[in-house]
Amino acid sequence: MGDLLVGIFPEAMPGLPEYLERRGNKAETCDISDMVLLALSLTRAEIGDYWDDADRWVRDMYSEAQMRAPPS
């Protein structure tokens, strides 16, 4: 379960105890990188063309996950 357009792939699904403990859906960098790897692997295996999806996820989510908080 995730948002294929934006590229957010949460670790917990709504309704599960993990979701309630986290107080919402949170995605980690490893989730995003796993989906990018999967998209590129499927594209390389010629199962489909997922290059644009991987590119968008890297630009939209993966790069943001690497940002540090601005200095205070």
Protein backbone atom coordinates (compact mmCIF):
# COMPACT_ATOMS: atom_id res chain seq x y z
CA MET A 1 0.00 0.00 0.00
CA GLY A 2 1.45 3.32 -1.00
CA ASP A 3 1.11 6.31 -3.26
CA LEU A 4 2.57 5.42 -6.64
CA LEU A 5 2.40 8.99 -7.91
CA VAL A 6 4.35 10.60 -5.09
CA GLY A 7 6.41 7.58 -4.07
CA ILE A 8 5.54 7.26 -0.40
CA PHE A 9 5.50 3.66 0.78
CA PRO A 10 4.65 3.47 4.50
CA GLU A 11 5.75 0.71 6.82
CA ALA A 12 2.37 0.32 8.53
CA MET A 13 -1.12 0.07 7.10
CA PRO A 14 -4.01 2.05 8.61
CA GLY A 15 -5.93 0.04 11.19
CA LEU A 16 -2.96 -2.01 12.38
CA PRO A 17 -1.51 -1.48 15.87
CA GLU A 18 1.81 -0.36 14.36
CA TYR A 19 -0.02 2.46 12.58
CA LEU A 20 -1.66 3.65 15.77
CA GLU A 21 1.62 3.47 17.71
CA ARG A 22 3.33 5.66 15.13
CA ARG A 23 0.40 8.11 15.09
CA GLY A 24 0.24 8.00 11.32
CA ASN A 25 1.90 6.57 8.27
CA LYS A 26 5.59 7.17 8.11
CA ALA A 27 7.87 6.08 5.29
CA GLU A 28 11.54 5.44 5.74
CA THR A 29 14.29 5.80 3.18
CA CYS A 30 14.75 2.03 2.93
CA ASP A 31 11.12 1.61 1.83
CA ILE A 32 11.56 4.13 -0.96
CA SER A 33 14.87 2.64 -2.11
CA ASP A 34 13.36 -0.87 -2.15
CA MET A 35 10.56 0.29 -4.44
CA VAL A 36 13.00 2.12 -6.73
CA LEU A 37 15.12 -1.04 -6.97
CA LEU A 38 12.03 -3.11 -7.73
CA ALA A 39 10.91 -0.69 -10.46
CA LEU A 40 14.35 -0.68 -12.08
CA SER A 41 14.64 -4.47 -11.84
CA LEU A 42 11.25 -4.97 -13.53
CA THR A 43 12.22 -2.49 -16.24
CA ARG A 44 15.55 -4.22 -16.86
CA ALA A 45 13.79 -7.60 -17.06
CA GLU A 46 11.49 -6.04 -19.71
CA ILE A 47 8.38 -6.85 -17.68
CA GLY A 48 7.23 -3.25 -17.96
CA ASP A 49 8.49 0.28 -18.28
CA TYR A 50 8.81 1.66 -14.77
CA TRP A 51 11.74 4.02 -15.39
CA ASP A 52 9.59 7.14 -15.10
CA ASP A 53 8.13 5.91 -11.82
CA ALA A 54 11.58 5.27 -10.33
CA ASP A 55 12.81 8.65 -11.56
CA ARG A 56 9.84 10.46 -10.01
CA TRP A 57 10.17 8.63 -6.68
CA VAL A 58 13.86 9.47 -6.46
CA ARG A 59 13.21 13.14 -7.21
CA ASP A 60 10.12 13.49 -5.02
CA MET A 61 10.75 11.32 -1.98
CA TYR A 62 14.24 9.82 -1.86
CA SER A 63 16.00 13.15 -2.28
CA GLU A 64 13.80 14.71 0.42
CA ALA A 65 14.60 11.85 2.79
CA GLN A 66 18.28 12.78 2.52
CA MET A 67 17.72 16.39 3.59
CA ARG A 68 18.96 17.49 6.97
CA ALA A 69 17.19 19.97 9.18
CA PRO A 70 18.35 23.55 8.61
CA PRO A 71 20.80 24.84 11.21
CA SER A 72 19.17 26.71 14.06
